[in-house]
Amino acid sequence: MLIDELTGIVVDCCIKLHSKIGPGCFEKVYEEILYYELTKKGLNVKRQLLLPINYEELHIEKAYKLDLLVEDRLVLELKTLYPLPSVSFDQVRTHLSLLNLKHGMLLNFKVSLMKDGIHRVFNNQGRESLG
């Protein structure tokens, strides 16, 4: 599946759930529903993935957490903040850099229209997938 197809499915699922639930829930609610919707479509989705960091000779297990990883190639970071701080984009870029992946999305559900809460984030040096 092409990355644009994959992100299109994510966008459709986000719009669907946001239109049914609205902007007033906790991040965990959106994460659980989005996980449900994506797996219902047959996608491989990992949730609350704890990953290590290596720093010089130091190895730190469970150093950071991804909200969702779709098909081992698309990092999804969910937020329920308005206004969305710019550091949220940096967080996704950091996740992409640490995983050496190219594609991520920042999804903010604290908006009136979901289309205003969908942001693609890129790491141009990253690879297309973990596999």
N, C-alpha and C. Protein backbone atom coordinates (compact mmCIF):
# COMPACT_ATOMS: atom_id res chain seq x y z
N MET A 1 0.85 -1.18 0.00
CA MET A 1 0.00 0.00 0.00
C MET A 1 0.89 1.24 0.00
N LEU A 2 0.56 2.19 -0.84
CA LEU A 2 1.30 3.44 -0.88
C LEU A 2 1.02 4.26 0.37
N ILE A 3 1.99 5.09 0.75
CA ILE A 3 1.85 5.89 1.98
C ILE A 3 0.66 6.84 1.88
N ASP A 4 0.39 7.38 0.68
CA ASP A 4 -0.76 8.28 0.54
C ASP A 4 -2.09 7.55 0.75
N GLU A 5 -2.15 6.29 0.35
CA GLU A 5 -3.35 5.48 0.62
C GLU A 5 -3.51 5.26 2.12
N LEU A 6 -2.40 4.95 2.77
CA LEU A 6 -2.42 4.69 4.21
C LEU A 6 -2.84 5.94 4.98
N THR A 7 -2.26 7.08 4.64
CA THR A 7 -2.64 8.31 5.34
C THR A 7 -4.09 8.69 5.02
N GLY A 8 -4.54 8.37 3.82
CA GLY A 8 -5.94 8.62 3.46
C GLY A 8 -6.91 7.83 4.34
N ILE A 9 -6.56 6.58 4.61
CA ILE A 9 -7.39 5.76 5.51
C ILE A 9 -7.40 6.36 6.90
N VAL A 10 -6.24 6.79 7.39
CA VAL A 10 -6.17 7.41 8.72
C VAL A 10 -7.03 8.67 8.77
N VAL A 11 -6.93 9.50 7.76
CA VAL A 11 -7.73 10.74 7.71
C VAL A 11 -9.22 10.41 7.73
N ASP A 12 -9.64 9.47 6.90
CA ASP A 12 -11.06 9.08 6.87
C ASP A 12 -11.54 8.59 8.23
N CYS A 13 -10.73 7.77 8.89
CA CYS A 13 -11.11 7.25 10.22
C CYS A 13 -11.19 8.37 11.25
N CYS A 14 -10.25 9.32 11.18
CA CYS A 14 -10.25 10.45 12.12
C CYS A 14 -11.49 11.32 11.93
N ILE A 15 -11.83 11.59 10.70
CA ILE A 15 -13.02 12.41 10.42
C ILE A 15 -14.28 11.70 10.89
N LYS A 16 -14.35 10.40 10.64
CA LYS A 16 -15.51 9.62 11.07
C LYS A 16 -15.67 9.67 12.59
N LEU A 17 -14.59 9.38 13.30
CA LEU A 17 -14.72 9.33 14.76
C LEU A 17 -14.94 10.71 15.35
N HIS A 18 -14.31 11.73 14.78
CA HIS A 18 -14.50 13.09 15.28
C HIS A 18 -15.93 13.57 15.05
N SER A 19 -16.52 13.18 13.92
CA SER A 19 -17.90 13.60 13.64
C SER A 19 -18.88 12.92 14.59
N LYS A 20 -18.55 11.72 15.08
CA LYS A 20 -19.43 11.02 16.02
C LYS A 20 -19.18 11.42 17.47
N ILE A 21 -17.93 11.67 17.84
CA ILE A 21 -17.57 11.92 19.24
C ILE A 21 -17.45 13.42 19.54
N GLY A 22 -16.92 14.19 18.59
CA GLY A 22 -16.70 15.62 18.82
C GLY A 22 -15.35 15.89 19.46
N PRO A 23 -15.09 17.16 19.82
CA PRO A 23 -13.77 17.56 20.30
C PRO A 23 -13.56 17.50 21.82
N GLY A 24 -14.49 16.93 22.58
CA GLY A 24 -14.42 17.10 24.03
C GLY A 24 -13.92 15.95 24.87
N CYS A 25 -13.36 14.90 24.26
CA CYS A 25 -12.94 13.73 25.05
C CYS A 25 -11.45 13.75 25.35
N PHE A 26 -11.04 12.81 26.17
CA PHE A 26 -9.62 12.64 26.49
C PHE A 26 -8.91 11.98 25.32
N GLU A 27 -7.62 12.22 25.22
CA GLU A 27 -6.78 11.64 24.17
C GLU A 27 -6.91 10.13 24.10
N LYS A 28 -6.98 9.48 25.24
CA LYS A 28 -7.08 8.02 25.31
C LYS A 28 -8.31 7.49 24.57
N VAL A 29 -9.41 8.23 24.64
CA VAL A 29 -10.64 7.82 23.96
C VAL A 29 -10.44 7.81 22.45
N TYR A 30 -9.85 8.89 21.92
CA TYR A 30 -9.60 8.97 20.48
C TYR A 30 -8.62 7.89 20.05
N GLU A 31 -7.61 7.66 20.86
CA GLU A 31 -6.61 6.63 20.53
C GLU A 31 -7.26 5.26 20.44
N GLU A 32 -8.07 4.94 21.42
CA GLU A 32 -8.72 3.62 21.43
C GLU A 32 -9.67 3.44 20.23
N ILE A 33 -10.44 4.47 19.93
CA ILE A 33 -11.38 4.38 18.81
C ILE A 33 -10.62 4.33 17.48
N LEU A 34 -9.58 5.15 17.34
CA LEU A 34 -8.80 5.13 16.10
C LEU A 34 -8.12 3.77 15.92
N TYR A 35 -7.59 3.21 16.98
CA TYR A 35 -7.00 1.87 16.93
C TYR A 35 -8.06 0.86 16.44
N TYR A 36 -9.24 0.93 17.02
CA TYR A 36 -10.35 0.05 16.64
C TYR A 36 -10.69 0.20 15.16
N GLU A 37 -10.84 1.43 14.70
CA GLU A 37 -11.22 1.69 13.31
C GLU A 37 -10.14 1.21 12.33
N LEU A 38 -8.88 1.44 12.65
CA LEU A 38 -7.79 1.04 11.75
C LEU A 38 -7.63 -0.48 11.71
N THR A 39 -7.75 -1.14 12.86
CA THR A 39 -7.63 -2.60 12.86
C THR A 39 -8.84 -3.24 12.19
N LYS A 40 -10.00 -2.60 12.30
CA LYS A 40 -11.20 -3.08 11.63
C LYS A 40 -11.01 -3.08 10.10
N LYS A 41 -10.17 -2.18 9.62
CA LYS A 41 -9.86 -2.10 8.19
C LYS A 41 -8.74 -3.07 7.79
N GLY A 42 -8.30 -3.88 8.74
CA GLY A 42 -7.28 -4.89 8.45
C GLY A 42 -5.85 -4.40 8.53
N LEU A 43 -5.63 -3.22 9.09
CA LEU A 43 -4.27 -2.69 9.20
C LEU A 43 -3.59 -3.22 10.46
N ASN A 44 -2.29 -3.38 10.38
CA ASN A 44 -1.47 -3.77 11.53
C ASN A 44 -1.15 -2.49 12.32
N VAL A 45 -1.67 -2.41 13.53
CA VAL A 45 -1.49 -1.20 14.36
C VAL A 45 -0.95 -1.61 15.71
N LYS A 46 0.11 -0.93 16.13
CA LYS A 46 0.66 -1.12 17.48
C LYS A 46 0.32 0.11 18.29
N ARG A 47 -0.06 -0.13 19.54
CA ARG A 47 -0.54 0.94 20.41
C ARG A 47 0.35 1.09 21.62
N GLN A 48 0.61 2.34 22.03
CA GLN A 48 1.40 2.63 23.23
C GLN A 48 2.70 1.83 23.23
N LEU A 49 3.41 1.93 22.13
CA LEU A 49 4.64 1.19 21.92
C LEU A 49 5.79 1.87 22.66
N LEU A 50 6.36 1.15 23.63
CA LEU A 50 7.49 1.66 24.40
C LEU A 50 8.79 1.27 23.69
N LEU A 51 9.63 2.26 23.46
CA LEU A 51 10.85 2.03 22.69
C LEU A 51 12.09 2.53 23.44
N PRO A 52 13.23 1.92 23.15
CA PRO A 52 14.47 2.31 23.83
C PRO A 52 15.20 3.46 23.14
N ILE A 53 16.13 4.04 23.87
CA ILE A 53 17.05 5.03 23.32
C ILE A 53 18.46 4.59 23.69
N ASN A 54 19.36 4.70 22.72
CA ASN A 54 20.78 4.49 22.98
C ASN A 54 21.47 5.85 22.94
N TYR A 55 22.19 6.13 24.00
CA TYR A 55 22.93 7.39 24.09
C TYR A 55 24.36 7.04 24.50
N GLU A 56 25.27 7.22 23.56
CA GLU A 56 26.65 6.81 23.76
C GLU A 56 26.67 5.35 24.23
N GLU A 57 27.22 5.06 25.41
CA GLU A 57 27.24 3.67 25.89
C GLU A 57 26.00 3.32 26.71
N LEU A 58 25.12 4.26 26.89
CA LEU A 58 23.94 4.06 27.73
C LEU A 58 22.76 3.56 26.90
N HIS A 59 22.11 2.52 27.39
CA HIS A 59 20.90 1.99 26.75
C HIS A 59 19.75 2.16 27.74
N ILE A 60 18.72 2.89 27.35
CA ILE A 60 17.57 3.14 28.22
C ILE A 60 16.37 2.42 27.62
N GLU A 61 15.91 1.39 28.30
CA GLU A 61 14.70 0.67 27.88
C GLU A 61 13.49 1.55 28.15
N LYS A 62 12.49 1.43 27.33
CA LYS A 62 11.22 2.13 27.53
C LYS A 62 11.43 3.63 27.75
N ALA A 63 12.20 4.24 26.86
CA ALA A 63 12.55 5.65 27.01
C ALA A 63 11.51 6.60 26.45
N TYR A 64 10.75 6.14 25.48
CA TYR A 64 9.69 6.98 24.92
C TYR A 64 8.58 6.10 24.40
N LYS A 65 7.42 6.72 24.16
CA LYS A 65 6.23 5.96 23.82
C LYS A 65 5.55 6.55 22.59
N LEU A 66 5.21 5.67 21.65
CA LEU A 66 4.44 6.08 20.48
C LEU A 66 2.97 5.83 20.77
N ASP A 67 2.10 6.75 20.37
CA ASP A 67 0.67 6.50 20.51
C ASP A 67 0.26 5.34 19.62
N LEU A 68 0.51 5.47 18.31
CA LEU A 68 0.16 4.41 17.36
C LEU A 68 1.23 4.32 16.28
N LEU A 69 1.52 3.09 15.88
CA LEU A 69 2.40 2.83 14.74
C LEU A 69 1.61 1.95 13.78
N VAL A 70 1.38 2.46 12.57
CA VAL A 70 0.53 1.78 11.58
C VAL A 70 1.41 1.14 10.51
N GLU A 71 1.21 -0.16 10.32
CA GLU A 71 1.90 -0.92 9.28
C GLU A 71 3.43 -0.77 9.35
N ASP A 72 3.96 -0.56 10.54
CA ASP A 72 5.41 -0.39 10.77
C ASP A 72 6.02 0.71 9.90
N ARG A 73 5.19 1.71 9.52
CA ARG A 73 5.73 2.76 8.66
C ARG A 73 5.16 4.15 8.90
N LEU A 74 4.08 4.26 9.67
CA LEU A 74 3.44 5.57 9.88
C LEU A 74 3.23 5.79 11.38
N VAL A 75 3.92 6.80 11.92
CA VAL A 75 3.79 7.16 13.33
C VAL A 75 2.62 8.13 13.49
N LEU A 76 1.72 7.82 14.42
CA LEU A 76 0.60 8.71 14.72
C LEU A 76 0.73 9.21 16.14
N GLU A 77 0.73 10.51 16.30
CA GLU A 77 0.75 11.15 17.61
C GLU A 77 -0.57 11.89 17.77
N LEU A 78 -1.32 11.54 18.81
CA LEU A 78 -2.64 12.13 19.04
C LEU A 78 -2.56 13.19 20.13
N LYS A 79 -3.29 14.27 19.93
CA LYS A 79 -3.36 15.36 20.90
C LYS A 79 -4.80 15.81 21.07
N THR A 80 -5.07 16.40 22.22
CA THR A 80 -6.35 17.07 22.48
C THR A 80 -6.05 18.41 23.14
N LEU A 81 -5.37 19.28 22.38
CA LEU A 81 -4.94 20.58 22.89
C LEU A 81 -5.34 21.69 21.92
N TYR A 82 -5.76 22.81 22.47
CA TYR A 82 -5.96 23.98 21.64
C TYR A 82 -5.52 25.21 22.42
N PRO A 83 -4.64 26.01 21.88
CA PRO A 83 -3.95 25.83 20.61
C PRO A 83 -2.86 24.75 20.74
N LEU A 84 -2.50 24.19 19.63
CA LEU A 84 -1.50 23.13 19.58
C LEU A 84 -0.11 23.75 19.64
N PRO A 85 0.68 23.42 20.66
CA PRO A 85 2.03 24.01 20.74
C PRO A 85 2.94 23.45 19.64
N SER A 86 3.85 24.28 19.16
CA SER A 86 4.75 23.86 18.08
C SER A 86 5.65 22.70 18.50
N VAL A 87 5.88 22.54 19.79
CA VAL A 87 6.72 21.44 20.27
C VAL A 87 6.08 20.08 19.96
N SER A 88 4.78 20.05 19.72
CA SER A 88 4.10 18.80 19.35
C SER A 88 4.63 18.28 18.02
N PHE A 89 4.92 19.18 17.09
CA PHE A 89 5.51 18.78 15.81
C PHE A 89 6.92 18.24 16.02
N ASP A 90 7.66 18.89 16.92
CA ASP A 90 9.02 18.43 17.24
C ASP A 90 9.00 17.03 17.85
N GLN A 91 7.98 16.76 18.66
CA GLN A 91 7.85 15.44 19.28
C GLN A 91 7.71 14.36 18.20
N VAL A 92 6.88 14.61 17.20
CA VAL A 92 6.70 13.64 16.11
C VAL A 92 8.00 13.50 15.33
N ARG A 93 8.68 14.60 15.05
CA ARG A 93 9.96 14.54 14.34
C ARG A 93 10.99 13.74 15.13
N THR A 94 10.99 13.89 16.45
CA THR A 94 11.90 13.12 17.28
C THR A 94 11.59 11.64 17.20
N HIS A 95 10.32 11.28 17.28
CA HIS A 95 9.92 9.87 17.15
C HIS A 95 10.39 9.31 15.81
N LEU A 96 10.16 10.06 14.75
CA LEU A 96 10.56 9.61 13.41
C LEU A 96 12.07 9.45 13.33
N SER A 97 12.79 10.39 13.90
CA SER A 97 14.25 10.34 13.87
C SER A 97 14.77 9.14 14.66
N LEU A 98 14.23 8.91 15.85
CA LEU A 98 14.68 7.79 16.68
C LEU A 98 14.39 6.44 16.03
N LEU A 99 13.29 6.36 15.30
CA LEU A 99 12.93 5.12 14.60
C LEU A 99 13.54 5.05 13.20
N ASN A 100 14.10 6.17 12.75
CA ASN A 100 14.60 6.29 11.39
C ASN A 100 13.50 6.00 10.37
N LEU A 101 12.33 6.58 10.62
CA LEU A 101 11.19 6.46 9.71
C LEU A 101 10.93 7.80 9.03
N LYS A 102 10.26 7.75 7.91
CA LYS A 102 10.02 8.94 7.10
C LYS A 102 8.70 9.64 7.39
N HIS A 103 7.63 8.88 7.71
CA HIS A 103 6.28 9.46 7.71
C HIS A 103 5.62 9.43 9.09
N GLY A 104 5.03 10.58 9.45
CA GLY A 104 4.27 10.67 10.69
C GLY A 104 3.08 11.60 10.50
N MET A 105 2.16 11.51 11.44
CA MET A 105 1.02 12.41 11.44
C MET A 105 0.76 12.88 12.87
N LEU A 106 0.48 14.16 13.00
CA LEU A 106 0.05 14.75 14.25
C LEU A 106 -1.44 15.00 14.12
N LEU A 107 -2.22 14.37 14.99
CA LEU A 107 -3.67 14.41 14.91
C LEU A 107 -4.23 15.08 16.16
N ASN A 108 -4.76 16.28 16.00
CA ASN A 108 -5.30 17.03 17.13
C ASN A 108 -6.84 17.00 17.06
N PHE A 109 -7.45 16.40 18.06
CA PHE A 109 -8.91 16.25 18.08
C PHE A 109 -9.62 17.41 18.78
N LYS A 110 -8.88 18.36 19.31
CA LYS A 110 -9.48 19.51 20.02
C LYS A 110 -9.72 20.65 19.03
N VAL A 111 -10.45 20.35 17.96
CA VAL A 111 -10.76 21.32 16.90
C VAL A 111 -12.23 21.17 16.51
N SER A 112 -12.80 22.23 15.96
CA SER A 112 -14.19 22.15 15.51
C SER A 112 -14.33 21.25 14.28
N LEU A 113 -13.41 21.40 13.34
CA LEU A 113 -13.40 20.58 12.13
C LEU A 113 -12.13 19.74 12.13
N MET A 114 -12.27 18.44 12.00
CA MET A 114 -11.12 17.55 12.09
C MET A 114 -10.07 17.88 11.05
N LYS A 115 -10.47 18.34 9.87
CA LYS A 115 -9.48 18.66 8.83
C LYS A 115 -8.46 19.68 9.31
N ASP A 116 -8.85 20.52 10.28
CA ASP A 116 -7.92 21.51 10.83
C ASP A 116 -6.95 20.91 11.84
N GLY A 117 -7.21 19.68 12.27
CA GLY A 117 -6.35 19.03 13.25
C GLY A 117 -5.43 17.97 12.68
N ILE A 118 -5.40 17.83 11.37
CA ILE A 118 -4.60 16.79 10.72
C ILE A 118 -3.35 17.42 10.11
N HIS A 119 -2.19 16.92 10.53
CA HIS A 119 -0.91 17.45 10.06
C HIS A 119 0.03 16.29 9.73
N ARG A 120 0.62 16.33 8.55
CA ARG A 120 1.64 15.35 8.19
C ARG A 120 3.00 15.90 8.60
N VAL A 121 3.84 15.00 9.07
CA VAL A 121 5.19 15.37 9.53
C VAL A 121 6.16 14.41 8.85
N PHE A 122 7.31 14.95 8.40
CA PHE A 122 8.25 14.15 7.64
C PHE A 122 9.65 14.18 8.23
N ASN A 123 10.36 13.10 8.04
CA ASN A 123 11.79 13.00 8.31
C ASN A 123 12.41 12.58 6.99
N ASN A 124 12.95 13.51 6.24
CA ASN A 124 13.43 13.21 4.89
C ASN A 124 14.59 12.23 4.86
N GLN A 125 15.29 12.06 5.97
CA GLN A 125 16.39 11.10 6.02
C GLN A 125 15.92 9.70 6.42
N GLY A 126 14.66 9.57 6.79
CA GLY A 126 14.16 8.29 7.29
C GLY A 126 13.87 7.29 6.19
N ARG A 127 13.67 6.07 6.62
CA ARG A 127 13.33 4.99 5.69
C ARG A 127 11.81 4.85 5.62
N GLU A 128 11.34 4.13 4.62
CA GLU A 128 9.89 3.98 4.40
C GLU A 128 9.21 3.09 5.43
N SER A 129 9.93 2.08 5.94
CA SER A 129 9.31 1.20 6.92
C SER A 129 10.37 0.55 7.79
N LEU A 130 9.91 -0.04 8.89
CA LEU A 130 10.83 -0.71 9.81
C LEU A 130 11.31 -2.04 9.25
N GLY A 131 10.50 -2.67 8.40
CA GLY A 131 10.80 -4.01 7.90
C GLY A 131 11.77 -4.10 6.80
